Amino acid sequence: MVLPLRLVAALVLLAAGVIGDVTGRVVVTGARTAGIDSAHFVGVVAKWAIWIFAILVALSQLGIAVAFSQTLFTGVVIAVSLALGLSFGLGGQETASRFIEKIRGEISGKNHN
């Protein structure tokens, strides 16, 4: 039996509500256990990330703004990738510099022996 697209979209949103709520609570509990000060914020971000993804899936199922949804999702993925790349790149700059200097020292030390 094939479910109508409207029913599928409604089921996706219903599942997102349940899964988002449970995930938000689990993330808050885990973050508090780990001693993270902004545990509630992290839980809200996790919950809303699931909701936004579900809304995009539901709109896609209904055939509403499919190209817009795909472009928006691609833009978010690119933005997150750039943010992670920049944060790791800028945050690890000093560590990478020390590592490169250590390797240079080892190479120049071996050449003198």
PDB file of N, CA and C in Angstrom:
ATOM      1  N   MET A   1       0.833  -1.173   0.000  1.00  0.00           N
ATOM      2  CA  MET A   1       0.000   0.000   0.000  1.00  0.00           C
ATOM      3  C   MET A   1       0.885   1.246   0.000  1.00  0.00           C
ATOM      4  N   VAL A   2       0.603   2.162  -0.853  1.00  0.00           N
ATOM      5  CA  VAL A   2       1.373   3.394  -0.957  1.00  0.00           C
ATOM      6  C   VAL A   2       0.665   4.479  -0.151  1.00  0.00           C
ATOM      7  N   LEU A   3       1.421   5.130   0.722  1.00  0.00           N
ATOM      8  CA  LEU A   3       0.836   6.193   1.532  1.00  0.00           C
ATOM      9  C   LEU A   3       0.804   7.499   0.743  1.00  0.00           C
ATOM     10  N   PRO A   4      -0.256   8.269   0.890  1.00  0.00           N
ATOM     11  CA  PRO A   4      -0.304   9.574   0.231  1.00  0.00           C
ATOM     12  C   PRO A   4       0.818  10.478   0.760  1.00  0.00           C
ATOM     13  N   LEU A   5       1.281  11.364  -0.102  1.00  0.00           N
ATOM     14  CA  LEU A   5       2.415  12.215   0.256  1.00  0.00           C
ATOM     15  C   LEU A   5       2.108  13.114   1.453  1.00  0.00           C
ATOM     16  N   ARG A   6       0.880  13.546   1.596  1.00  0.00           N
ATOM     17  CA  ARG A   6       0.515  14.383   2.732  1.00  0.00           C
ATOM     18  C   ARG A   6       0.631  13.613   4.047  1.00  0.00           C
ATOM     19  N   LEU A   7       0.214  12.349   4.012  1.00  0.00           N
ATOM     20  CA  LEU A   7       0.316  11.522   5.207  1.00  0.00           C
ATOM     21  C   LEU A   7       1.781  11.274   5.564  1.00  0.00           C
ATOM     22  N   VAL A   8       2.604  11.045   4.561  1.00  0.00           N
ATOM     23  CA  VAL A   8       4.030  10.833   4.805  1.00  0.00           C
ATOM     24  C   VAL A   8       4.652  12.088   5.413  1.00  0.00           C
ATOM     25  N   ALA A   9       4.297  13.258   4.885  1.00  0.00           N
ATOM     26  CA  ALA A   9       4.826  14.511   5.423  1.00  0.00           C
ATOM     27  C   ALA A   9       4.381  14.706   6.876  1.00  0.00           C
ATOM     28  N   ALA A  10       3.133  14.379   7.169  1.00  0.00           N
ATOM     29  CA  ALA A  10       2.645  14.505   8.544  1.00  0.00           C
ATOM     30  C   ALA A  10       3.356  13.533   9.476  1.00  0.00           C
ATOM     31  N   LEU A  11       3.585  12.302   9.007  1.00  0.00           N
ATOM     32  CA  LEU A  11       4.303  11.319   9.826  1.00  0.00           C
ATOM     33  C   LEU A  11       5.747  11.746  10.076  1.00  0.00           C
ATOM     34  N   VAL A  12       6.376  12.352   9.070  1.00  0.00           N
ATOM     35  CA  VAL A  12       7.743  12.839   9.241  1.00  0.00           C
ATOM     36  C   VAL A  12       7.787  13.915  10.320  1.00  0.00           C
ATOM     37  N   LEU A  13       6.823  14.838  10.282  1.00  0.00           N
ATOM     38  CA  LEU A  13       6.784  15.907  11.286  1.00  0.00           C
ATOM     39  C   LEU A  13       6.463  15.367  12.675  1.00  0.00           C
ATOM     40  N   LEU A  14       5.585  14.381  12.744  1.00  0.00           N
ATOM     41  CA  LEU A  14       5.261  13.762  14.025  1.00  0.00           C
ATOM     42  C   LEU A  14       6.482  13.052  14.608  1.00  0.00           C
ATOM     43  N   ALA A  15       7.153  12.292  13.766  1.00  0.00           N
ATOM     44  CA  ALA A  15       8.363  11.598  14.218  1.00  0.00           C
ATOM     45  C   ALA A  15       9.439  12.595  14.634  1.00  0.00           C
ATOM     46  N   ALA A  16       9.553  13.697  13.910  1.00  0.00           N
ATOM     47  CA  ALA A  16      10.546  14.716  14.257  1.00  0.00           C
ATOM     48  C   ALA A  16      10.252  15.321  15.621  1.00  0.00           C
ATOM     49  N   GLY A  17       8.976  15.523  15.910  1.00  0.00           N
ATOM     50  CA  GLY A  17       8.613  16.061  17.213  1.00  0.00           C
ATOM     51  C   GLY A  17       9.045  15.151  18.344  1.00  0.00           C
ATOM     52  N   VAL A  18       8.766  13.875  18.203  1.00  0.00           N
ATOM     53  CA  VAL A  18       9.129  12.905  19.240  1.00  0.00           C
ATOM     54  C   VAL A  18      10.646  12.742  19.320  1.00  0.00           C
ATOM     55  N   ILE A  19      11.281  12.514  18.182  1.00  0.00           N
ATOM     56  CA  ILE A  19      12.726  12.283  18.163  1.00  0.00           C
ATOM     57  C   ILE A  19      13.484  13.541  18.591  1.00  0.00           C
ATOM     58  N   GLY A  20      13.022  14.702  18.148  1.00  0.00           N
ATOM     59  CA  GLY A  20      13.685  15.950  18.529  1.00  0.00           C
ATOM     60  C   GLY A  20      13.608  16.201  20.021  1.00  0.00           C
ATOM     61  N   ASP A  21      12.448  15.942  20.614  1.00  0.00           N
ATOM     62  CA  ASP A  21      12.282  16.144  22.052  1.00  0.00           C
ATOM     63  C   ASP A  21      13.168  15.190  22.849  1.00  0.00           C
ATOM     64  N   VAL A  22      13.152  13.915  22.461  1.00  0.00           N
ATOM     65  CA  VAL A  22      13.976  12.922  23.157  1.00  0.00           C
ATOM     66  C   VAL A  22      15.462  13.242  22.984  1.00  0.00           C
ATOM     67  N   THR A  23      15.855  13.573  21.772  1.00  0.00           N
ATOM     68  CA  THR A  23      17.259  13.891  21.522  1.00  0.00           C
ATOM     69  C   THR A  23      17.694  15.117  22.318  1.00  0.00           C
ATOM     70  N   GLY A  24      16.848  16.140  22.355  1.00  0.00           N
ATOM     71  CA  GLY A  24      17.174  17.335  23.131  1.00  0.00           C
ATOM     72  C   GLY A  24      17.398  17.012  24.596  1.00  0.00           C
ATOM     73  N   ARG A  25      16.524  16.185  25.168  1.00  0.00           N
ATOM     74  CA  ARG A  25      16.680  15.794  26.585  1.00  0.00           C
ATOM     75  C   ARG A  25      17.945  14.978  26.808  1.00  0.00           C
ATOM     76  N   VAL A  26      18.224  14.052  25.902  1.00  0.00           N
ATOM     77  CA  VAL A  26      19.424  13.217  26.043  1.00  0.00           C
ATOM     78  C   VAL A  26      20.686  14.077  25.949  1.00  0.00           C
ATOM     79  N   VAL A  27      20.695  15.017  25.011  1.00  0.00           N
ATOM     80  CA  VAL A  27      21.864  15.883  24.839  1.00  0.00           C
ATOM     81  C   VAL A  27      22.052  16.769  26.067  1.00  0.00           C
ATOM     82  N   VAL A  28      20.960  17.329  26.602  1.00  0.00           N
ATOM     83  CA  VAL A  28      21.068  18.166  27.802  1.00  0.00           C
ATOM     84  C   VAL A  28      21.605  17.354  28.976  1.00  0.00           C
ATOM     85  N   THR A  29      21.073  16.150  29.157  1.00  0.00           N
ATOM     86  CA  THR A  29      21.533  15.297  30.255  1.00  0.00           C
ATOM     87  C   THR A  29      23.005  14.935  30.090  1.00  0.00           C
ATOM     88  N   GLY A  30      23.386  14.565  28.880  1.00  0.00           N
ATOM     89  CA  GLY A  30      24.786  14.221  28.630  1.00  0.00           C
ATOM     90  C   GLY A  30      25.722  15.405  28.803  1.00  0.00           C
ATOM     91  N   ALA A  31      25.280  16.571  28.352  1.00  0.00           N
ATOM     92  CA  ALA A  31      26.122  17.760  28.478  1.00  0.00           C
ATOM     93  C   ALA A  31      26.262  18.177  29.940  1.00  0.00           C
ATOM     94  N   ARG A  32      25.169  18.075  30.712  1.00  0.00           N
ATOM     95  CA  ARG A  32      25.270  18.394  32.145  1.00  0.00           C
ATOM     96  C   ARG A  32      26.183  17.411  32.860  1.00  0.00           C
ATOM     97  N   THR A  33      26.084  16.140  32.491  1.00  0.00           N
ATOM     98  CA  THR A  33      26.954  15.125  33.091  1.00  0.00           C
ATOM     99  C   THR A  33      28.418  15.406  32.771  1.00  0.00           C
ATOM    100  N   ALA A  34      28.669  15.900  31.567  1.00  0.00           N
ATOM    101  CA  ALA A  34      30.041  16.223  31.162  1.00  0.00           C
ATOM    102  C   ALA A  34      30.513  17.542  31.747  1.00  0.00           C
ATOM    103  N   GLY A  35      29.618  18.279  32.403  1.00  0.00           N
ATOM    104  CA  GLY A  35      30.003  19.534  33.028  1.00  0.00           C
ATOM    105  C   GLY A  35      30.022  20.724  32.085  1.00  0.00           C
ATOM    106  N   ILE A  36      29.303  20.641  30.995  1.00  0.00           N
ATOM    107  CA  ILE A  36      29.249  21.744  30.036  1.00  0.00           C
ATOM    108  C   ILE A  36      28.262  22.783  30.557  1.00  0.00           C
ATOM    109  N   ASP A  37      28.705  24.037  30.606  1.00  0.00           N
ATOM    110  CA  ASP A  37      27.876  25.108  31.165  1.00  0.00           C
ATOM    111  C   ASP A  37      26.644  25.402  30.314  1.00  0.00           C
ATOM    112  N   SER A  38      26.775  25.329  29.013  1.00  0.00           N
ATOM    113  CA  SER A  38      25.670  25.676  28.117  1.00  0.00           C
ATOM    114  C   SER A  38      24.920  24.426  27.654  1.00  0.00           C
ATOM    115  N   ALA A  39      24.613  23.551  28.579  1.00  0.00           N
ATOM    116  CA  ALA A  39      23.964  22.275  28.246  1.00  0.00           C
ATOM    117  C   ALA A  39      22.588  22.488  27.626  1.00  0.00           C
ATOM    118  N   HIS A  40      21.832  23.417  28.169  1.00  0.00           N
ATOM    119  CA  HIS A  40      20.484  23.657  27.638  1.00  0.00           C
ATOM    120  C   HIS A  40      20.555  24.175  26.204  1.00  0.00           C
ATOM    121  N   PHE A  41      21.492  25.065  25.924  1.00  0.00           N
ATOM    122  CA  PHE A  41      21.652  25.602  24.572  1.00  0.00           C
ATOM    123  C   PHE A  41      21.985  24.492  23.579  1.00  0.00           C
ATOM    124  N   VAL A  42      22.874  23.596  23.956  1.00  0.00           N
ATOM    125  CA  VAL A  42      23.261  22.491  23.072  1.00  0.00           C
ATOM    126  C   VAL A  42      22.063  21.580  22.809  1.00  0.00           C
ATOM    127  N   GLY A  43      21.256  21.342  23.831  1.00  0.00           N
ATOM    128  CA  GLY A  43      20.059  20.528  23.653  1.00  0.00           C
ATOM    129  C   GLY A  43      19.045  21.170  22.728  1.00  0.00           C
ATOM    130  N   VAL A  44      18.867  22.486  22.857  1.00  0.00           N
ATOM    131  CA  VAL A  44      17.935  23.207  21.985  1.00  0.00           C
ATOM    132  C   VAL A  44      18.428  23.178  20.543  1.00  0.00           C
ATOM    133  N   VAL A  45      19.727  23.336  20.342  1.00  0.00           N
ATOM    134  CA  VAL A  45      20.289  23.284  18.988  1.00  0.00           C
ATOM    135  C   VAL A  45      20.053  21.907  18.370  1.00  0.00           C
ATOM    136  N   ALA A  46      20.266  20.848  19.140  1.00  0.00           N
ATOM    137  CA  ALA A  46      20.041  19.490  18.631  1.00  0.00           C
ATOM    138  C   ALA A  46      18.573  19.281  18.267  1.00  0.00           C
ATOM    139  N   LYS A  47      17.673  19.736  19.132  1.00  0.00           N
ATOM    140  CA  LYS A  47      16.237  19.583  18.889  1.00  0.00           C
ATOM    141  C   LYS A  47      15.817  20.331  17.627  1.00  0.00           C
ATOM    142  N   TRP A  48      16.243  21.575  17.482  1.00  0.00           N
ATOM    143  CA  TRP A  48      15.827  22.369  16.330  1.00  0.00           C
ATOM    144  C   TRP A  48      16.502  21.929  15.040  1.00  0.00           C
ATOM    145  N   ALA A  49      17.685  21.355  15.134  1.00  0.00           N
ATOM    146  CA  ALA A  49      18.320  20.812  13.929  1.00  0.00           C
ATOM    147  C   ALA A  49      17.476  19.672  13.359  1.00  0.00           C
ATOM    148  N   ILE A  50      16.949  18.830  14.237  1.00  0.00           N
ATOM    149  CA  ILE A  50      16.084  17.738  13.794  1.00  0.00           C
ATOM    150  C   ILE A  50      14.782  18.294  13.212  1.00  0.00           C
ATOM    151  N   TRP A  51      14.209  19.294  13.863  1.00  0.00           N
ATOM    152  CA  TRP A  51      12.972  19.900  13.369  1.00  0.00           C
ATOM    153  C   TRP A  51      13.164  20.528  11.989  1.00  0.00           C
ATOM    154  N   ILE A  52      14.233  21.271  11.818  1.00  0.00           N
ATOM    155  CA  ILE A  52      14.478  21.936  10.529  1.00  0.00           C
ATOM    156  C   ILE A  52      14.679  20.906   9.427  1.00  0.00           C
ATOM    157  N   PHE A  53      15.438  19.861   9.716  1.00  0.00           N
ATOM    158  CA  PHE A  53      15.640  18.802   8.731  1.00  0.00           C
ATOM    159  C   PHE A  53      14.305  18.148   8.368  1.00  0.00           C
ATOM    160  N   ALA A  54      13.466  17.904   9.378  1.00  0.00           N
ATOM    161  CA  ALA A  54      12.160  17.278   9.131  1.00  0.00           C
ATOM    162  C   ALA A  54      11.249  18.188   8.316  1.00  0.00           C
ATOM    163  N   ILE A  55      11.293  19.477   8.586  1.00  0.00           N
ATOM    164  CA  ILE A  55      10.476  20.415   7.810  1.00  0.00           C
ATOM    165  C   ILE A  55      10.917  20.416   6.355  1.00  0.00           C
ATOM    166  N   LEU A  56      12.215  20.380   6.123  1.00  0.00           N
ATOM    167  CA  LEU A  56      12.707  20.322   4.743  1.00  0.00           C
ATOM    168  C   LEU A  56      12.276  19.026   4.054  1.00  0.00           C
ATOM    169  N   VAL A  57      12.305  17.919   4.781  1.00  0.00           N
ATOM    170  CA  VAL A  57      11.866  16.637   4.214  1.00  0.00           C
ATOM    171  C   VAL A  57      10.372  16.670   3.920  1.00  0.00           C
ATOM    172  N   ALA A  58       9.582  17.227   4.843  1.00  0.00           N
ATOM    173  CA  ALA A  58       8.130  17.305   4.632  1.00  0.00           C
ATOM    174  C   ALA A  58       7.796  18.184   3.429  1.00  0.00           C
ATOM    175  N   LEU A  59       8.472  19.319   3.301  1.00  0.00           N
ATOM    176  CA  LEU A  59       8.243  20.184   2.136  1.00  0.00           C
ATOM    177  C   LEU A  59       8.624  19.472   0.843  1.00  0.00           C
ATOM    178  N   SER A  60       9.687  18.700   0.904  1.00  0.00           N
ATOM    179  CA  SER A  60      10.102  17.935  -0.272  1.00  0.00           C
ATOM    180  C   SER A  60       9.060  16.885  -0.638  1.00  0.00           C
ATOM    181  N   GLN A  61       8.496  16.231   0.370  1.00  0.00           N
ATOM    182  CA  GLN A  61       7.447  15.231   0.125  1.00  0.00           C
ATOM    183  C   GLN A  61       6.212  15.852  -0.502  1.00  0.00           C
ATOM    184  N   LEU A  62       5.896  17.057  -0.087  1.00  0.00           N
ATOM    185  CA  LEU A  62       4.720  17.737  -0.619  1.00  0.00           C
ATOM    186  C   LEU A  62       4.981  18.399  -1.960  1.00  0.00           C
ATOM    187  N   GLY A  63       6.245  18.451  -2.362  1.00  0.00           N
ATOM    188  CA  GLY A  63       6.594  19.075  -3.632  1.00  0.00           C
ATOM    189  C   GLY A  63       6.605  20.589  -3.569  1.00  0.00           C
ATOM    190  N   ILE A  64       6.710  21.140  -2.381  1.00  0.00           N
ATOM    191  CA  ILE A  64       6.710  22.590  -2.192  1.00  0.00           C
ATOM    192  C   ILE A  64       8.149  23.076  -2.091  1.00  0.00           C
ATOM    193  N   ALA A  65       8.499  24.004  -2.936  1.00  0.00           N
ATOM    194  CA  ALA A  65       9.810  24.664  -2.893  1.00  0.00           C
ATOM    195  C   ALA A  65      10.959  23.657  -2.837  1.00  0.00           C
ATOM    196  N   VAL A  66      10.909  22.651  -3.689  1.00  0.00           N
ATOM    197  CA  VAL A  66      11.932  21.602  -3.686  1.00  0.00           C
ATOM    198  C   VAL A  66      13.302  22.182  -4.020  1.00  0.00           C
ATOM    199  N   ALA A  67      13.384  23.006  -5.055  1.00  0.00           N
ATOM    200  CA  ALA A  67      14.671  23.590  -5.438  1.00  0.00           C
ATOM    201  C   ALA A  67      15.193  24.500  -4.336  1.00  0.00           C
ATOM    202  N   PHE A  68      14.298  25.278  -3.717  1.00  0.00           N
ATOM    203  CA  PHE A  68      14.701  26.149  -2.614  1.00  0.00           C
ATOM    204  C   PHE A  68      15.229  25.330  -1.442  1.00  0.00           C
ATOM    205  N   SER A  69      14.547  24.242  -1.100  1.00  0.00           N
ATOM    206  CA  SER A  69      14.964  23.388   0.010  1.00  0.00           C
ATOM    207  C   SER A  69      16.328  22.775  -0.258  1.00  0.00           C
ATOM    208  N   GLN A  70      16.545  22.304  -1.471  1.00  0.00           N
ATOM    209  CA  GLN A  70      17.836  21.716  -1.817  1.00  0.00           C
ATOM    210  C   GLN A  70      18.953  22.754  -1.757  1.00  0.00           C
ATOM    211  N   THR A  71      18.680  23.948  -2.268  1.00  0.00           N
ATOM    212  CA  THR A  71      19.677  25.013  -2.230  1.00  0.00           C
ATOM    213  C   THR A  71      19.970  25.426  -0.793  1.00  0.00           C
ATOM    214  N   LEU A  72      18.937  25.545   0.023  1.00  0.00           N
ATOM    215  CA  LEU A  72      19.112  25.909   1.423  1.00  0.00           C
ATOM    216  C   LEU A  72      19.919  24.853   2.166  1.00  0.00           C
ATOM    217  N   PHE A  73      19.595  23.586   1.950  1.00  0.00           N
ATOM    218  CA  PHE A  73      20.314  22.505   2.617  1.00  0.00           C
ATOM    219  C   PHE A  73      21.778  22.485   2.186  1.00  0.00           C
ATOM    220  N   THR A  74      22.028  22.661   0.893  1.00  0.00           N
ATOM    221  CA  THR A  74      23.405  22.696   0.394  1.00  0.00           C
ATOM    222  C   THR A  74      24.159  23.869   1.009  1.00  0.00           C
ATOM    223  N   GLY A  75      23.526  25.024   1.092  1.00  0.00           N
ATOM    224  CA  GLY A  75      24.163  26.189   1.698  1.00  0.00           C
ATOM    225  C   GLY A  75      24.501  25.964   3.163  1.00  0.00           C
ATOM    226  N   VAL A  76      23.610  25.318   3.901  1.00  0.00           N
ATOM    227  CA  VAL A  76      23.870  25.043   5.317  1.00  0.00           C
ATOM    228  C   VAL A  76      25.037  24.071   5.467  1.00  0.00           C
ATOM    229  N   VAL A  77      25.072  23.041   4.650  1.00  0.00           N
ATOM    230  CA  VAL A  77      26.179  22.084   4.717  1.00  0.00           C
ATOM    231  C   VAL A  77      27.505  22.770   4.397  1.00  0.00           C
ATOM    232  N   ILE A  78      27.520  23.623   3.394  1.00  0.00           N
ATOM    233  CA  ILE A  78      28.744  24.339   3.039  1.00  0.00           C
ATOM    234  C   ILE A  78      29.157  25.286   4.162  1.00  0.00           C
ATOM    235  N   ALA A  79      28.190  25.990   4.753  1.00  0.00           N
ATOM    236  CA  ALA A  79      28.494  26.921   5.836  1.00  0.00           C
ATOM    237  C   ALA A  79      29.077  26.192   7.049  1.00  0.00           C
ATOM    238  N   VAL A  80      28.485  25.062   7.401  1.00  0.00           N
ATOM    239  CA  VAL A  80      28.992  24.291   8.536  1.00  0.00           C
ATOM    240  C   VAL A  80      30.391  23.756   8.231  1.00  0.00           C
ATOM    241  N   SER A  81      30.609  23.296   7.011  1.00  0.00           N
ATOM    242  CA  SER A  81      31.936  22.802   6.627  1.00  0.00           C
ATOM    243  C   SER A  81      32.983  23.901   6.707  1.00  0.00           C
ATOM    244  N   LEU A  82      32.650  25.071   6.208  1.00  0.00           N
ATOM    245  CA  LEU A  82      33.583  26.196   6.283  1.00  0.00           C
ATOM    246  C   LEU A  82      33.849  26.604   7.729  1.00  0.00           C
ATOM    247  N   ALA A  83      32.800  26.634   8.542  1.00  0.00           N
ATOM    248  CA  ALA A  83      32.968  27.011   9.946  1.00  0.00           C
ATOM    249  C   ALA A  83      33.866  26.020  10.678  1.00  0.00           C
ATOM    250  N   LEU A  84      33.654  24.737  10.447  1.00  0.00           N
ATOM    251  CA  LEU A  84      34.506  23.735  11.093  1.00  0.00           C
ATOM    252  C   LEU A  84      35.941  23.811  10.594  1.00  0.00           C
ATOM    253  N   GLY A  85      36.097  23.982   9.287  1.00  0.00           N
ATOM    254  CA  GLY A  85      37.449  24.098   8.734  1.00  0.00           C
ATOM    255  C   GLY A  85      38.194  25.302   9.279  1.00  0.00           C
ATOM    256  N   LEU A  86      37.527  26.434   9.339  1.00  0.00           N
ATOM    257  CA  LEU A  86      38.164  27.637   9.878  1.00  0.00           C
ATOM    258  C   LEU A  86      38.464  27.501  11.362  1.00  0.00           C
ATOM    259  N   SER A  87      37.536  26.933  12.121  1.00  0.00           N
ATOM    260  CA  SER A  87      37.775  26.812  13.564  1.00  0.00           C
ATOM    261  C   SER A  87      38.928  25.867  13.864  1.00  0.00           C
ATOM    262  N   PHE A  88      38.987  24.744  13.161  1.00  0.00           N
ATOM    263  CA  PHE A  88      40.103  23.834  13.385  1.00  0.00           C
ATOM    264  C   PHE A  88      41.403  24.420  12.848  1.00  0.00           C
ATOM    265  N   GLY A  89      41.319  25.098  11.723  1.00  0.00           N
ATOM    266  CA  GLY A  89      42.519  25.696  11.142  1.00  0.00           C
ATOM    267  C   GLY A  89      43.095  26.795  12.007  1.00  0.00           C
ATOM    268  N   LEU A  90      42.251  27.700  12.462  1.00  0.00           N
ATOM    269  CA  LEU A  90      42.726  28.797  13.300  1.00  0.00           C
ATOM    270  C   LEU A  90      43.050  28.328  14.717  1.00  0.00           C
ATOM    271  N   GLY A  91      42.260  27.406  15.235  1.00  0.00           N
ATOM    272  CA  GLY A  91      42.500  26.898  16.581  1.00  0.00           C
ATOM    273  C   GLY A  91      43.737  26.030  16.671  1.00  0.00           C
ATOM    274  N   GLY A  92      44.057  25.306  15.619  1.00  0.00           N
ATOM    275  CA  GLY A  92      45.207  24.409  15.638  1.00  0.00           C
ATOM    276  C   GLY A  92      46.448  24.991  15.006  1.00  0.00           C
ATOM    277  N   GLN A  93      46.423  26.279  14.709  1.00  0.00           N
ATOM    278  CA  GLN A  93      47.548  26.921  14.032  1.00  0.00           C
ATOM    279  C   GLN A  93      48.826  26.837  14.865  1.00  0.00           C
ATOM    280  N   GLU A  94      48.735  27.120  16.157  1.00  0.00           N
ATOM    281  CA  GLU A  94      49.916  27.090  17.020  1.00  0.00           C
ATOM    282  C   GLU A  94      50.450  25.671  17.177  1.00  0.00           C
ATOM    283  N   THR A  95      49.557  24.714  17.323  1.00  0.00           N
ATOM    284  CA  THR A  95      49.963  23.321  17.460  1.00  0.00           C
ATOM    285  C   THR A  95      50.648  22.833  16.190  1.00  0.00           C
ATOM    286  N   ALA A  96      50.091  23.193  15.039  1.00  0.00           N
ATOM    287  CA  ALA A  96      50.708  22.802  13.767  1.00  0.00           C
ATOM    288  C   ALA A  96      52.079  23.438  13.617  1.00  0.00           C
ATOM    289  N   SER A  97      52.226  24.682  14.044  1.00  0.00           N
ATOM    290  CA  SER A  97      53.516  25.364  13.965  1.00  0.00           C
ATOM    291  C   SER A  97      54.560  24.661  14.834  1.00  0.00           C
ATOM    292  N   ARG A  98      54.173  24.290  16.048  1.00  0.00           N
ATOM    293  CA  ARG A  98      55.106  23.563  16.932  1.00  0.00           C
ATOM    294  C   ARG A  98      55.489  22.215  16.332  1.00  0.00           C
ATOM    295  N   PHE A  99      54.511  21.521  15.748  1.00  0.00           N
ATOM    296  CA  PHE A  99      54.784  20.221  15.139  1.00  0.00           C
ATOM    297  C   PHE A  99      55.759  20.357  13.976  1.00  0.00           C
ATOM    298  N   ILE A 100      55.550  21.366  13.131  1.00  0.00           N
ATOM    299  CA  ILE A 100      56.440  21.575  11.983  1.00  0.00           C
ATOM    300  C   ILE A 100      57.845  21.922  12.459  1.00  0.00           C
ATOM    301  N   GLU A 101      57.958  22.764  13.491  1.00  0.00           N
ATOM    302  CA  GLU A 101      59.281  23.107  14.030  1.00  0.00           C
ATOM    303  C   GLU A 101      59.959  21.880  14.623  1.00  0.00           C
ATOM    304  N   LYS A 102      59.209  21.012  15.260  1.00  0.00           N
ATOM    305  CA  LYS A 102      59.771  19.778  15.823  1.00  0.00           C
ATOM    306  C   LYS A 102      60.315  18.893  14.708  1.00  0.00           C
ATOM    307  N   ILE A 103      59.549  18.749  13.634  1.00  0.00           N
ATOM    308  CA  ILE A 103      59.997  17.937  12.496  1.00  0.00           C
ATOM    309  C   ILE A 103      61.236  18.551  11.860  1.00  0.00           C
ATOM    310  N   ARG A 104      61.252  19.878  11.691  1.00  0.00           N
ATOM    311  CA  ARG A 104      62.428  20.550  11.126  1.00  0.00           C
ATOM    312  C   ARG A 104      63.658  20.325  11.992  1.00  0.00           C
ATOM    313  N   GLY A 105      63.458  20.401  13.320  1.00  0.00           N
ATOM    314  CA  GLY A 105      64.579  20.162  14.233  1.00  0.00           C
ATOM    315  C   GLY A 105      65.106  18.748  14.129  1.00  0.00           C
ATOM    316  N   GLU A 106      64.215  17.784  14.009  1.00  0.00           N
ATOM    317  CA  GLU A 106      64.636  16.391  13.872  1.00  0.00           C
ATOM    318  C   GLU A 106      65.359  16.165  12.550  1.00  0.00           C
ATOM    319  N   ILE A 107      64.864  16.789  11.481  1.00  0.00           N
ATOM    320  CA  ILE A 107      65.502  16.620  10.174  1.00  0.00           C
ATOM    321  C   ILE A 107      66.872  17.283  10.164  1.00  0.00           C
ATOM    322  N   SER A 108      66.964  18.487  10.691  1.00  0.00           N
ATOM    323  CA  SER A 108      68.273  19.168  10.692  1.00  0.00           C
ATOM    324  C   SER A 108      69.236  18.497  11.645  1.00  0.00           C
ATOM    325  N   GLY A 109      68.742  17.896  12.732  1.00  0.00           N
ATOM    326  CA  GLY A 109      69.604  17.158  13.665  1.00  0.00           C
ATOM    327  C   GLY A 109      70.141  15.895  13.042  1.00  0.00           C
ATOM    328  N   LYS A 110      69.400  15.234  12.189  1.00  0.00           N
ATOM    329  CA  LYS A 110      69.853  14.004  11.559  1.00  0.00           C
ATOM    330  C   LYS A 110      70.857  14.304  10.455  1.00  0.00           C
ATOM    331  N   ASN A 111      70.739  15.448   9.822  1.00  0.00           N
ATOM    332  CA  ASN A 111      71.668  15.786   8.753  1.00  0.00           C
ATOM    333  C   ASN A 111      73.069  16.077   9.289  1.00  0.00           C
ATOM    334  N   HIS A 112      73.200  16.527  10.553  1.00  0.00           N
ATOM    335  CA  HIS A 112      74.506  16.853  11.131  1.00  0.00           C
ATOM    336  C   HIS A 112      75.231  15.621  11.617  1.00  0.00           C
ATOM    337  N   ASN A 113      74.584  14.500  11.815  1.00  0.00           N
ATOM    338  CA  ASN A 113      75.229  13.289  12.343  1.00  0.00           C
ATOM    339  C   ASN A 113      75.935  12.525  11.297  1.00  0.00           C
TER     340      ASN A 113
END
